[in-house]
Amino acid sequence: MLGNLPHFPPQYVEIKRVNIGISDPTPEQADELELGKNICALSQE
């Protein structure tokens, strides 16, 4: 059952920490976390 789960992005752990208030990212880190799964949309082909 667990073998069929999609890849869990490691950034999600930090996003959860920020959302519950136990982490306070710098503005640069927040921008990077904000990109999330859409980072592929920023790639250049």
PDB file of N, CA and C in Angstrom:
ATOM      1  N   MET A   1       0.811  -1.181   0.000  1.00  0.00           N
ATOM      2  CA  MET A   1       0.000   0.000   0.000  1.00  0.00           C
ATOM      3  C   MET A   1       0.869   1.266   0.000  1.00  0.00           C
ATOM      4  N   LEU A   2       1.876   1.322   0.836  1.00  0.00           N
ATOM      5  CA  LEU A   2       2.725   2.501   0.915  1.00  0.00           C
ATOM      6  C   LEU A   2       3.585   2.679  -0.333  1.00  0.00           C
ATOM      7  N   GLY A   3       3.835   1.589  -1.059  1.00  0.00           N
ATOM      8  CA  GLY A   3       4.648   1.662  -2.258  1.00  0.00           C
ATOM      9  C   GLY A   3       4.004   2.455  -3.371  1.00  0.00           C
ATOM     10  N   ASN A   4       2.710   2.674  -3.316  1.00  0.00           N
ATOM     11  CA  ASN A   4       2.009   3.416  -4.360  1.00  0.00           C
ATOM     12  C   ASN A   4       1.840   4.898  -4.056  1.00  0.00           C
ATOM     13  N   LEU A   5       2.352   5.351  -2.929  1.00  0.00           N
ATOM     14  CA  LEU A   5       2.236   6.762  -2.577  1.00  0.00           C
ATOM     15  C   LEU A   5       3.180   7.592  -3.447  1.00  0.00           C
ATOM     16  N   PRO A   6       2.772   8.807  -3.812  1.00  0.00           N
ATOM     17  CA  PRO A   6       3.678   9.663  -4.595  1.00  0.00           C
ATOM     18  C   PRO A   6       4.849  10.137  -3.742  1.00  0.00           C
ATOM     19  N   HIS A   7       5.883  10.633  -4.418  1.00  0.00           N
ATOM     20  CA  HIS A   7       7.067  11.172  -3.738  1.00  0.00           C
ATOM     21  C   HIS A   7       6.655  12.314  -2.817  1.00  0.00           C
ATOM     22  N   PHE A   8       7.143  12.297  -1.590  1.00  0.00           N
ATOM     23  CA  PHE A   8       6.840  13.331  -0.595  1.00  0.00           C
ATOM     24  C   PHE A   8       7.965  14.359  -0.608  1.00  0.00           C
ATOM     25  N   PRO A   9       7.714  15.563  -1.133  1.00  0.00           N
ATOM     26  CA  PRO A   9       8.769  16.584  -1.176  1.00  0.00           C
ATOM     27  C   PRO A   9       9.261  16.940   0.222  1.00  0.00           C
ATOM     28  N   PRO A  10      10.566  16.945   0.441  1.00  0.00           N
ATOM     29  CA  PRO A  10      11.108  17.250   1.766  1.00  0.00           C
ATOM     30  C   PRO A  10      10.744  18.649   2.253  1.00  0.00           C
ATOM     31  N   GLN A  11      10.456  19.579   1.333  1.00  0.00           N
ATOM     32  CA  GLN A  11      10.082  20.929   1.742  1.00  0.00           C
ATOM     33  C   GLN A  11       8.776  20.936   2.524  1.00  0.00           C
ATOM     34  N   TYR A  12       7.932  19.940   2.331  1.00  0.00           N
ATOM     35  CA  TYR A  12       6.642  19.907   3.020  1.00  0.00           C
ATOM     36  C   TYR A  12       6.813  19.861   4.536  1.00  0.00           C
ATOM     37  N   VAL A  13       7.863  19.221   5.004  1.00  0.00           N
ATOM     38  CA  VAL A  13       8.111  19.158   6.451  1.00  0.00           C
ATOM     39  C   VAL A  13       8.361  20.570   6.973  1.00  0.00           C
ATOM     40  N   GLU A  14       9.191  21.329   6.258  1.00  0.00           N
ATOM     41  CA  GLU A  14       9.491  22.691   6.701  1.00  0.00           C
ATOM     42  C   GLU A  14       8.265  23.580   6.567  1.00  0.00           C
ATOM     43  N   ILE A  15       7.480  23.413   5.519  1.00  0.00           N
ATOM     44  CA  ILE A  15       6.252  24.197   5.351  1.00  0.00           C
ATOM     45  C   ILE A  15       5.305  23.960   6.525  1.00  0.00           C
ATOM     46  N   LYS A  16       5.184  22.725   6.942  1.00  0.00           N
ATOM     47  CA  LYS A  16       4.325  22.412   8.093  1.00  0.00           C
ATOM     48  C   LYS A  16       4.855  23.071   9.360  1.00  0.00           C
ATOM     49  N   ARG A  17       6.182  23.067   9.537  1.00  0.00           N
ATOM     50  CA  ARG A  17       6.783  23.699  10.710  1.00  0.00           C
ATOM     51  C   ARG A  17       6.487  25.204  10.729  1.00  0.00           C
ATOM     52  N   VAL A  18       6.569  25.842   9.560  1.00  0.00           N
ATOM     53  CA  VAL A  18       6.262  27.272   9.463  1.00  0.00           C
ATOM     54  C   VAL A  18       4.786  27.512   9.770  1.00  0.00           C
ATOM     55  N   ASN A  19       3.926  26.680   9.203  1.00  0.00           N
ATOM     56  CA  ASN A  19       2.485  26.867   9.378  1.00  0.00           C
ATOM     57  C   ASN A  19       2.029  26.742  10.825  1.00  0.00           C
ATOM     58  N   ILE A  20       2.709  25.912  11.615  1.00  0.00           N
ATOM     59  CA  ILE A  20       2.301  25.770  13.016  1.00  0.00           C
ATOM     60  C   ILE A  20       3.101  26.685  13.945  1.00  0.00           C
ATOM     61  N   GLY A  21       4.016  27.476  13.361  1.00  0.00           N
ATOM     62  CA  GLY A  21       4.707  28.498  14.134  1.00  0.00           C
ATOM     63  C   GLY A  21       5.960  28.073  14.852  1.00  0.00           C
ATOM     64  N   ILE A  22       6.538  26.933  14.503  1.00  0.00           N
ATOM     65  CA  ILE A  22       7.778  26.527  15.181  1.00  0.00           C
ATOM     66  C   ILE A  22       9.017  26.802  14.334  1.00  0.00           C
ATOM     67  N   SER A  23       8.823  27.411  13.164  1.00  0.00           N
ATOM     68  CA  SER A  23       9.935  27.791  12.312  1.00  0.00           C
ATOM     69  C   SER A  23       9.639  29.170  11.736  1.00  0.00           C
ATOM     70  N   ASP A  24      10.674  29.986  11.606  1.00  0.00           N
ATOM     71  CA  ASP A  24      10.518  31.339  11.084  1.00  0.00           C
ATOM     72  C   ASP A  24      11.548  31.545   9.972  1.00  0.00           C
ATOM     73  N   PRO A  25      11.156  31.254   8.726  1.00  0.00           N
ATOM     74  CA  PRO A  25      12.120  31.341   7.633  1.00  0.00           C
ATOM     75  C   PRO A  25      12.474  32.784   7.284  1.00  0.00           C
ATOM     76  N   THR A  26      13.660  32.948   6.717  1.00  0.00           N
ATOM     77  CA  THR A  26      14.038  34.259   6.192  1.00  0.00           C
ATOM     78  C   THR A  26      13.160  34.548   4.974  1.00  0.00           C
ATOM     79  N   PRO A  27      13.114  35.784   4.524  1.00  0.00           N
ATOM     80  CA  PRO A  27      12.320  36.077   3.322  1.00  0.00           C
ATOM     81  C   PRO A  27      12.745  35.237   2.112  1.00  0.00           C
ATOM     82  N   GLU A  28      14.047  34.995   1.974  1.00  0.00           N
ATOM     83  CA  GLU A  28      14.535  34.182   0.862  1.00  0.00           C
ATOM     84  C   GLU A  28      14.059  32.737   0.995  1.00  0.00           C
ATOM     85  N   GLN A  29      14.124  32.202   2.201  1.00  0.00           N
ATOM     86  CA  GLN A  29      13.649  30.831   2.431  1.00  0.00           C
ATOM     87  C   GLN A  29      12.145  30.735   2.196  1.00  0.00           C
ATOM     88  N   ALA A  30      11.404  31.741   2.634  1.00  0.00           N
ATOM     89  CA  ALA A  30       9.951  31.744   2.436  1.00  0.00           C
ATOM     90  C   ALA A  30       9.611  31.755   0.953  1.00  0.00           C
ATOM     91  N   ASP A  31      10.360  32.546   0.160  1.00  0.00           N
ATOM     92  CA  ASP A  31      10.133  32.568  -1.284  1.00  0.00           C
ATOM     93  C   ASP A  31      10.363  31.195  -1.890  1.00  0.00           C
ATOM     94  N   GLU A  32      11.423  30.523  -1.451  1.00  0.00           N
ATOM     95  CA  GLU A  32      11.730  29.192  -1.968  1.00  0.00           C
ATOM     96  C   GLU A  32      10.645  28.188  -1.583  1.00  0.00           C
ATOM     97  N   LEU A  33      10.179  28.254  -0.345  1.00  0.00           N
ATOM     98  CA  LEU A  33       9.113  27.353   0.094  1.00  0.00           C
ATOM     99  C   LEU A  33       7.807  27.648  -0.641  1.00  0.00           C
ATOM    100  N   GLU A  34       7.572  28.907  -0.949  1.00  0.00           N
ATOM    101  CA  GLU A  34       6.351  29.309  -1.632  1.00  0.00           C
ATOM    102  C   GLU A  34       6.267  28.717  -3.038  1.00  0.00           C
ATOM    103  N   LEU A  35       7.419  28.489  -3.651  1.00  0.00           N
ATOM    104  CA  LEU A  35       7.427  27.903  -4.995  1.00  0.00           C
ATOM    105  C   LEU A  35       6.831  26.508  -4.989  1.00  0.00           C
ATOM    106  N   GLY A  36       7.115  25.770  -3.928  1.00  0.00           N
ATOM    107  CA  GLY A  36       6.552  24.430  -3.772  1.00  0.00           C
ATOM    108  C   GLY A  36       6.703  23.558  -4.995  1.00  0.00           C
ATOM    109  N   LYS A  37       5.643  22.847  -5.340  1.00  0.00           N
ATOM    110  CA  LYS A  37       5.682  21.923  -6.459  1.00  0.00           C
ATOM    111  C   LYS A  37       5.704  22.651  -7.800  1.00  0.00           C
ATOM    112  N   ASN A  38       5.468  23.949  -7.813  1.00  0.00           N
ATOM    113  CA  ASN A  38       5.460  24.697  -9.063  1.00  0.00           C
ATOM    114  C   ASN A  38       6.847  25.055  -9.552  1.00  0.00           C
ATOM    115  N   ILE A  39       7.872  24.620  -8.854  1.00  0.00           N
ATOM    116  CA  ILE A  39       9.229  24.974  -9.243  1.00  0.00           C
ATOM    117  C   ILE A  39       9.547  24.484 -10.669  1.00  0.00           C
ATOM    118  N   CYS A  40       8.926  23.415 -11.104  1.00  0.00           N
ATOM    119  CA  CYS A  40       9.175  22.910 -12.455  1.00  0.00           C
ATOM    120  C   CYS A  40       8.666  23.916 -13.488  1.00  0.00           C
ATOM    121  N   ALA A  41       7.676  24.708 -13.154  1.00  0.00           N
ATOM    122  CA  ALA A  41       7.142  25.698 -14.081  1.00  0.00           C
ATOM    123  C   ALA A  41       8.137  26.819 -14.328  1.00  0.00           C
ATOM    124  N   LEU A  42       9.138  26.946 -13.460  1.00  0.00           N
ATOM    125  CA  LEU A  42      10.123  27.994 -13.600  1.00  0.00           C
ATOM    126  C   LEU A  42      11.349  27.532 -14.384  1.00  0.00           C
ATOM    127  N   SER A  43      11.426  26.265 -14.739  1.00  0.00           N
ATOM    128  CA  SER A  43      12.590  25.763 -15.454  1.00  0.00           C
ATOM    129  C   SER A  43      12.610  26.301 -16.879  1.00  0.00           C
ATOM    130  N   GLN A  44      13.800  26.394 -17.403  1.00  0.00           N
ATOM    131  CA  GLN A  44      13.966  26.873 -18.775  1.00  0.00           C
ATOM    132  C   GLN A  44      14.232  25.678 -19.672  1.00  0.00           C
ATOM    133  N   GLU A  45      13.525  25.616 -20.769  1.00  0.00           N
ATOM    134  CA  GLU A  45      13.724  24.503 -21.697  1.00  0.00           C
ATOM    135  C   GLU A  45      14.460  24.956 -22.911  1.00  0.00           C
TER     136      GLU A  45
END
